[in-house]
Protein backbone atom coordinates (compact mmCIF):
# COMPACT_ATOMS: atom_id res chain seq x y z
CA UNK A 1 -0.04 -0.33 -0.14
CA UNK A 2 2.68 2.70 1.18
CA UNK A 3 4.39 1.26 -1.97
CA UNK A 4 1.64 2.22 -4.49
CA UNK A 5 1.51 5.68 -2.62
CA UNK A 6 5.24 6.59 -2.45
CA UNK A 7 4.79 5.49 -6.59
CA UNK A 8 2.36 7.88 -7.39
CA UNK A 9 4.20 10.75 -5.48
CA UNK A 10 7.16 10.55 -7.55
CA UNK A 11 4.91 10.58 -10.50
CA UNK A 12 3.18 13.87 -9.54
CA UNK A 13 6.70 15.17 -8.70
CA UNK A 14 8.30 14.11 -11.62
CA UNK A 15 5.16 15.40 -14.26
CA UNK A 16 5.26 18.93 -11.30
CA UNK A 17 9.32 18.96 -12.37
CA UNK A 18 8.92 18.63 -16.30
CA UNK A 19 5.13 21.25 -16.39
CA UNK A 20 8.19 23.60 -14.45
CA UNK A 21 11.04 22.97 -16.45
CA UNK A 22 9.39 23.81 -18.98
CA UNK A 23 7.78 27.20 -18.24
CA UNK A 24 9.71 29.08 -19.86
CA UNK A 25 8.84 28.05 -23.07
CA UNK A 26 5.58 27.20 -22.33
CA UNK A 27 5.23 31.09 -21.09
CA UNK A 28 6.60 32.16 -24.80
CA UNK A 29 4.62 30.43 -26.57
CA UNK A 30 1.50 31.26 -24.90
CA UNK A 31 0.73 34.76 -27.21
CA UNK A 32 1.10 32.14 -29.94
CA UNK A 33 -1.71 30.03 -28.83
CA UNK A 34 -3.41 32.32 -27.67
CA UNK A 35 -3.77 33.88 -31.46
CA UNK A 36 -2.96 31.27 -33.51
CA UNK A 37 -5.41 28.49 -31.99
CA UNK A 38 -2.67 25.74 -30.75
CA UNK A 39 0.77 25.23 -31.09
CA UNK A 40 2.19 21.96 -32.99
CA UNK A 41 5.52 21.27 -34.07
CA UNK A 42 6.43 18.93 -37.58
CA UNK A 43 8.95 16.29 -37.31
CA UNK A 44 9.92 15.32 -41.10
CA UNK A 45 11.47 11.34 -41.11
CA UNK A 46 13.97 11.36 -44.04
CA UNK A 47 14.20 8.41 -46.08
CA UNK A 48 18.15 7.39 -46.79
CA UNK A 49 17.09 6.13 -50.58
CA UNK A 50 20.61 5.88 -51.54
CA UNK A 51 21.42 6.82 -55.13
CA UNK A 52 17.93 5.87 -56.37
CA UNK A 53 18.17 8.68 -58.96
CA UNK A 54 21.63 7.86 -60.30
CA UNK A 55 21.56 8.12 -63.74
CA UNK A 56 18.11 10.47 -64.21
CA UNK A 57 17.88 13.41 -65.58
CA UNK A 58 14.63 15.67 -64.11
CA UNK A 59 12.84 18.80 -64.88
CA UNK A 60 10.92 20.69 -62.17
CA UNK A 61 8.63 23.40 -63.25
CA UNK A 62 7.97 26.31 -60.65
CA UNK A 63 11.19 24.95 -58.60
CA UNK A 64 12.58 28.29 -57.04
CA UNK A 65 11.09 27.39 -54.08
CA UNK A 66 8.29 25.41 -51.71
CA UNK A 67 7.52 21.98 -53.01
CA UNK A 68 9.56 22.49 -56.35
CA UNK A 69 12.38 23.02 -54.27
CA UNK A 70 12.48 20.71 -51.64
CA UNK A 71 11.70 18.18 -54.70
CA UNK A 72 14.54 18.97 -56.54
CA UNK A 73 16.81 18.89 -53.54
CA UNK A 74 15.27 15.30 -52.61
CA UNK A 75 15.99 14.24 -56.49
CA UNK A 76 19.61 15.89 -56.36
CA UNK A 77 20.39 14.19 -53.06
CA UNK A 78 19.09 10.68 -54.71
CA UNK A 79 21.36 11.79 -58.23
CA UNK A 80 19.55 12.85 -59.61
CA UNK A 81 20.69 15.77 -62.87
CA UNK A 82 17.73 18.45 -62.29
CA UNK A 83 16.51 21.34 -63.78
CA UNK A 84 14.28 24.20 -62.10
CA UNK A 85 12.40 26.46 -64.00
CA UNK A 86 9.89 29.96 -62.97
CA UNK A 87 10.01 32.98 -64.31
CA UNK A 88 11.32 34.69 -62.00
CA UNK A 89 15.41 34.35 -62.03
CA UNK A 90 16.32 36.00 -59.00
CA UNK A 91 14.33 33.55 -57.55
CA UNK A 92 16.08 30.74 -58.81
CA UNK A 93 19.25 32.16 -58.96
CA UNK A 94 18.64 32.12 -55.08
CA UNK A 95 17.77 28.59 -55.49
CA UNK A 96 20.30 27.49 -56.80
CA UNK A 97 22.60 29.30 -54.08
CA UNK A 98 20.73 27.06 -51.29
CA UNK A 99 20.87 23.98 -53.30
CA UNK A 100 24.55 24.12 -53.55
CA UNK A 101 24.69 21.30 -55.97
CA UNK A 102 27.05 20.84 -59.70
CA UNK A 103 24.02 18.86 -60.55
CA UNK A 104 21.44 21.39 -60.31
CA UNK A 105 20.15 24.01 -63.71
CA UNK A 106 18.09 26.71 -63.90
CA UNK A 107 15.96 28.23 -66.25
CA UNK A 108 14.22 30.91 -66.87
CA UNK A 109 10.88 29.64 -68.23
CA UNK A 110 7.14 31.05 -68.40
CA UNK A 111 5.42 27.70 -69.15
CA UNK A 112 1.82 30.16 -70.19
CA UNK A 113 3.83 30.53 -72.67
CA UNK A 114 2.87 27.86 -75.06
CA UNK A 115 4.40 28.97 -77.87
CA UNK A 116 7.60 28.65 -76.49
CA UNK A 117 7.37 25.22 -75.03
CA UNK A 118 9.10 23.56 -78.23
CA UNK A 119 12.18 26.20 -77.67
CA UNK A 120 12.21 26.25 -74.23
CA UNK A 121 12.67 22.38 -73.74
CA UNK A 122 15.52 21.98 -76.41
CA UNK A 123 17.25 24.07 -74.04
CA UNK A 124 16.35 22.50 -71.32
CA UNK A 125 17.02 19.45 -72.93
CA UNK A 126 21.05 21.07 -73.72
CA UNK A 127 21.22 21.77 -70.43
CA UNK A 128 20.43 18.04 -69.36
CA UNK A 129 23.27 16.58 -71.67
CA UNK A 130 20.34 15.68 -73.98
CA UNK A 131 18.61 13.37 -71.76
CA UNK A 132 15.04 13.67 -69.50
CA UNK A 133 13.53 11.30 -67.22
CA UNK A 134 11.21 12.71 -65.34
CA UNK A 135 8.84 15.63 -65.54
CA UNK A 136 7.32 17.09 -62.45
CA UNK A 137 4.33 19.67 -62.80
CA UNK A 138 4.38 21.66 -60.30
CA UNK A 139 4.35 25.45 -61.50
CA UNK A 140 1.14 27.13 -60.40
CA UNK A 141 -0.20 30.16 -58.65
CA UNK A 142 -3.25 31.00 -57.07
CA UNK A 143 -6.43 32.90 -58.00
CA UNK A 144 -6.37 36.72 -56.24
CA UNK A 145 -9.98 36.52 -56.37
CA UNK A 146 -12.79 33.98 -55.64
CA UNK A 147 -16.57 33.73 -56.92
CA UNK A 148 -18.31 35.82 -57.26
CA UNK A 149 -15.71 38.37 -58.03
CA UNK A 150 -13.61 36.15 -60.66
CA UNK A 151 -12.32 38.40 -63.62
CA UNK A 152 -11.47 36.99 -66.58
CA UNK A 153 -7.85 38.03 -66.44
CA UNK A 154 -7.73 36.17 -62.85
CA UNK A 155 -8.99 33.02 -65.02
CA UNK A 156 -6.86 33.76 -67.76
CA UNK A 157 -3.89 33.48 -65.51
CA UNK A 158 -4.00 31.05 -63.13
CA UNK A 159 -5.51 28.51 -66.38
CA UNK A 160 -2.48 29.95 -68.34
CA UNK A 161 -0.06 28.24 -65.80
CA UNK A 162 -1.86 25.49 -63.96
CA UNK A 163 -3.73 24.27 -66.41
CA UNK A 164 -2.68 24.71 -70.04
CA UNK A 165 0.64 25.45 -69.71
CA UNK A 166 1.04 21.64 -67.72
CA UNK A 167 -1.01 20.07 -70.35
CA UNK A 168 1.10 21.33 -73.31
CA UNK A 169 4.39 20.92 -71.59
CA UNK A 170 3.34 17.51 -70.91
CA UNK A 171 2.29 16.93 -74.40
CA UNK A 172 5.54 18.35 -75.94
CA UNK A 173 7.73 16.04 -73.45
CA UNK A 174 5.82 12.80 -74.28
CA UNK A 175 5.98 13.39 -77.60
CA UNK A 176 9.70 13.90 -77.52
CA UNK A 177 9.39 10.55 -75.46
CA UNK A 178 7.53 8.60 -77.91
CA UNK A 179 9.73 10.06 -81.13
CA UNK A 180 12.76 9.21 -79.23
CA UNK A 181 12.11 5.19 -77.84
CA UNK A 182 13.74 3.23 -75.88
CA UNK A 183 12.59 0.60 -72.95
CA UNK A 184 13.39 3.14 -69.43
CA UNK A 185 10.53 4.01 -68.35
CA UNK A 186 10.16 7.86 -68.37
CA UNK A 187 7.60 9.79 -65.75
CA UNK A 188 5.44 12.53 -65.33
CA UNK A 189 4.35 13.69 -61.37
CA UNK A 190 1.67 16.22 -61.56
CA UNK A 191 1.33 18.22 -58.42
CA UNK A 192 -2.20 18.87 -57.97
CA UNK A 193 -4.03 19.84 -54.65
CA UNK A 194 -6.50 18.74 -51.86
CA UNK A 195 -8.43 21.66 -53.63
CA UNK A 196 -8.91 19.13 -56.34
CA UNK A 197 -10.81 16.86 -54.70
CA UNK A 198 -13.38 19.48 -53.04
CA UNK A 199 -16.00 21.49 -54.60
CA UNK A 200 -14.69 24.07 -57.03
CA UNK A 201 -15.86 28.10 -57.36
CA UNK A 202 -12.76 29.74 -58.18
CA UNK A 203 -9.99 29.13 -60.92
CA UNK A 204 -6.84 27.39 -58.63
CA UNK A 205 -9.17 25.04 -57.16
CA UNK A 206 -10.74 24.39 -60.61
CA UNK A 207 -7.53 23.66 -62.62
CA UNK A 208 -6.58 21.18 -59.93
CA UNK A 209 -9.67 19.10 -60.50
CA UNK A 210 -7.89 19.12 -64.47
CA UNK A 211 -4.82 17.95 -63.25
CA UNK A 212 -5.98 15.15 -61.33
CA UNK A 213 -8.39 14.18 -64.11
CA UNK A 214 -5.08 14.42 -66.60
CA UNK A 215 -3.36 12.01 -64.24
CA UNK A 216 -6.06 9.40 -64.89
CA UNK A 217 -6.73 10.27 -68.86
CA UNK A 218 -2.73 10.08 -69.64
CA UNK A 219 -2.16 7.42 -67.20
CA UNK A 220 -4.34 5.02 -68.71
CA UNK A 221 -3.42 6.05 -72.49
CA UNK A 222 0.55 6.19 -71.86
CA UNK A 223 1.32 2.92 -69.44
CA UNK A 224 1.88 0.42 -72.43
CA UNK A 225 4.42 3.25 -73.82
CA UNK A 226 6.56 2.79 -70.82
CA UNK A 227 5.30 6.21 -69.74
CA UNK A 228 4.24 6.74 -66.01
CA UNK A 229 1.74 9.37 -64.59
CA UNK A 230 0.75 10.27 -61.19
CA UNK A 231 0.22 12.81 -58.74
CA UNK A 232 0.55 13.99 -55.79
CA UNK A 233 -2.81 16.56 -53.69
CA UNK A 234 -0.76 18.26 -51.02
CA UNK A 235 -2.78 19.81 -48.26
CA UNK A 236 -1.96 23.25 -46.65
CA UNK A 237 1.60 23.28 -47.10
CA UNK A 238 4.19 26.23 -45.21
CA UNK A 239 5.08 27.73 -48.44
CA UNK A 240 4.38 30.98 -49.98
CA UNK A 241 1.15 30.48 -51.16
CA UNK A 242 0.09 30.19 -47.41
CA UNK A 243 1.76 33.07 -46.20
CA UNK A 244 -0.34 33.53 -43.06
CA UNK A 245 0.85 30.12 -41.92
CA UNK A 246 4.22 31.06 -42.50
CA UNK A 247 4.20 34.20 -40.39
CA UNK A 248 3.32 31.24 -37.74
CA UNK A 249 6.94 30.95 -37.68
CA UNK A 250 8.21 27.25 -36.13
CA UNK A 251 4.32 26.60 -35.07
CA UNK A 252 2.39 24.19 -37.56
CA UNK A 253 -0.97 24.74 -36.14
CA UNK A 254 -3.95 24.60 -38.55
CA UNK A 255 -7.64 23.70 -37.36
CA UNK A 256 -8.53 23.15 -41.39
CA UNK A 257 -7.95 19.09 -41.18
CA UNK A 258 -8.11 16.40 -38.66
CA UNK A 259 -4.78 16.18 -38.27
CA UNK A 260 -4.54 20.47 -36.96
CA UNK A 261 -1.33 20.94 -38.60
CA UNK A 262 -0.13 21.90 -41.73
CA UNK A 263 3.30 20.14 -43.70
CA UNK A 264 5.83 21.00 -44.57
CA UNK A 265 7.46 21.00 -48.43
CA UNK A 266 9.66 18.15 -47.42
CA UNK A 267 6.65 15.37 -46.72
CA UNK A 268 5.65 16.34 -50.17
CA UNK A 269 9.18 15.49 -51.34
CA UNK A 270 9.32 12.58 -49.21
CA UNK A 271 6.27 11.19 -50.99
CA UNK A 272 7.66 12.46 -54.09
CA UNK A 273 10.73 10.41 -54.06
CA UNK A 274 8.63 7.36 -54.19
CA UNK A 275 6.90 8.40 -56.78
CA UNK A 276 9.96 9.21 -58.87
CA UNK A 277 11.89 5.99 -58.41
CA UNK A 278 11.30 2.53 -59.88
CA UNK A 279 9.64 0.96 -56.86
CA UNK A 280 6.39 2.73 -57.82
CA UNK A 281 6.41 1.65 -61.34
CA UNK A 282 3.01 -0.31 -61.32
CA UNK A 283 0.85 2.80 -60.07
CA UNK A 284 -0.76 4.05 -63.28
CA UNK A 285 -3.01 7.56 -63.28
CA UNK A 286 -2.63 7.73 -59.22
CA UNK A 287 -3.11 11.04 -57.31
CA UNK A 288 -1.88 10.66 -53.80
CA UNK A 289 -3.96 13.01 -51.31
CA UNK A 290 -1.10 14.50 -48.98
CA UNK A 291 -3.53 16.32 -47.03
CA UNK A 292 -4.11 15.93 -43.42
CA UNK A 293 -7.26 14.24 -43.99
CA UNK A 294 -8.88 17.56 -45.11
CA UNK A 295 -10.76 16.09 -47.90
CA UNK A 296 -12.18 13.55 -45.54
CA UNK A 297 -14.36 16.25 -43.49
């Protein structure tokens, strides 16, 4: 009896000591918790695949920041030669400095300018030693306005990059692959969104429905040609597109999904690594949701 009581006292003391020792940190977090509703942190498990992508040549559109840069970094770490594209030269140069890898190339390329896709692809191929194995369609922009205030200009801007640009770039790349037939597996990874799996009332989400549908359609059409098409639908990620959550710093709390947090770009990159490699070659036309359960609500 006395031993049981003693054990309870010890447990209570340990808990009290832990609370007291963490009090300065709790005091520091209190304003954030009050303002942002809670506090959570992210612990990303970095899977070591070795040189899974050695000898592979990869294009990542919109690779200057966020998810695109995280996927580029992962591909480089796995041994690939990577070209990142984007509309902003200074942003690409900054990414180049951050990634600091001799296997990285950059190219200013606005994929909404569909008349330049063939020309830019030729430049890209030269930068990648004349080879291309994987295309990651990541470039995207958000709608500035939502229904019922969407303008035609906003619609065209979002669709020009997110849907039209991705479509015609994929078509050009696949034509190149089909015209230079080899036994090597080629891959396209399309970055959709959780917004492509819930009701859509504004251009951004509607383009993400487009991308999910394109992934299914091309997956079915091209599988027999050794071209594998799959996608990822991220949820709320800590990127420039989610500036309000970026302001939270290391606090990843978010009450919009069942897991009550946002994700980091690196979590999407870890999923992308599996799809980029040959271990996923029997997965065809699928878009994998990585949204903390948002689409289940």
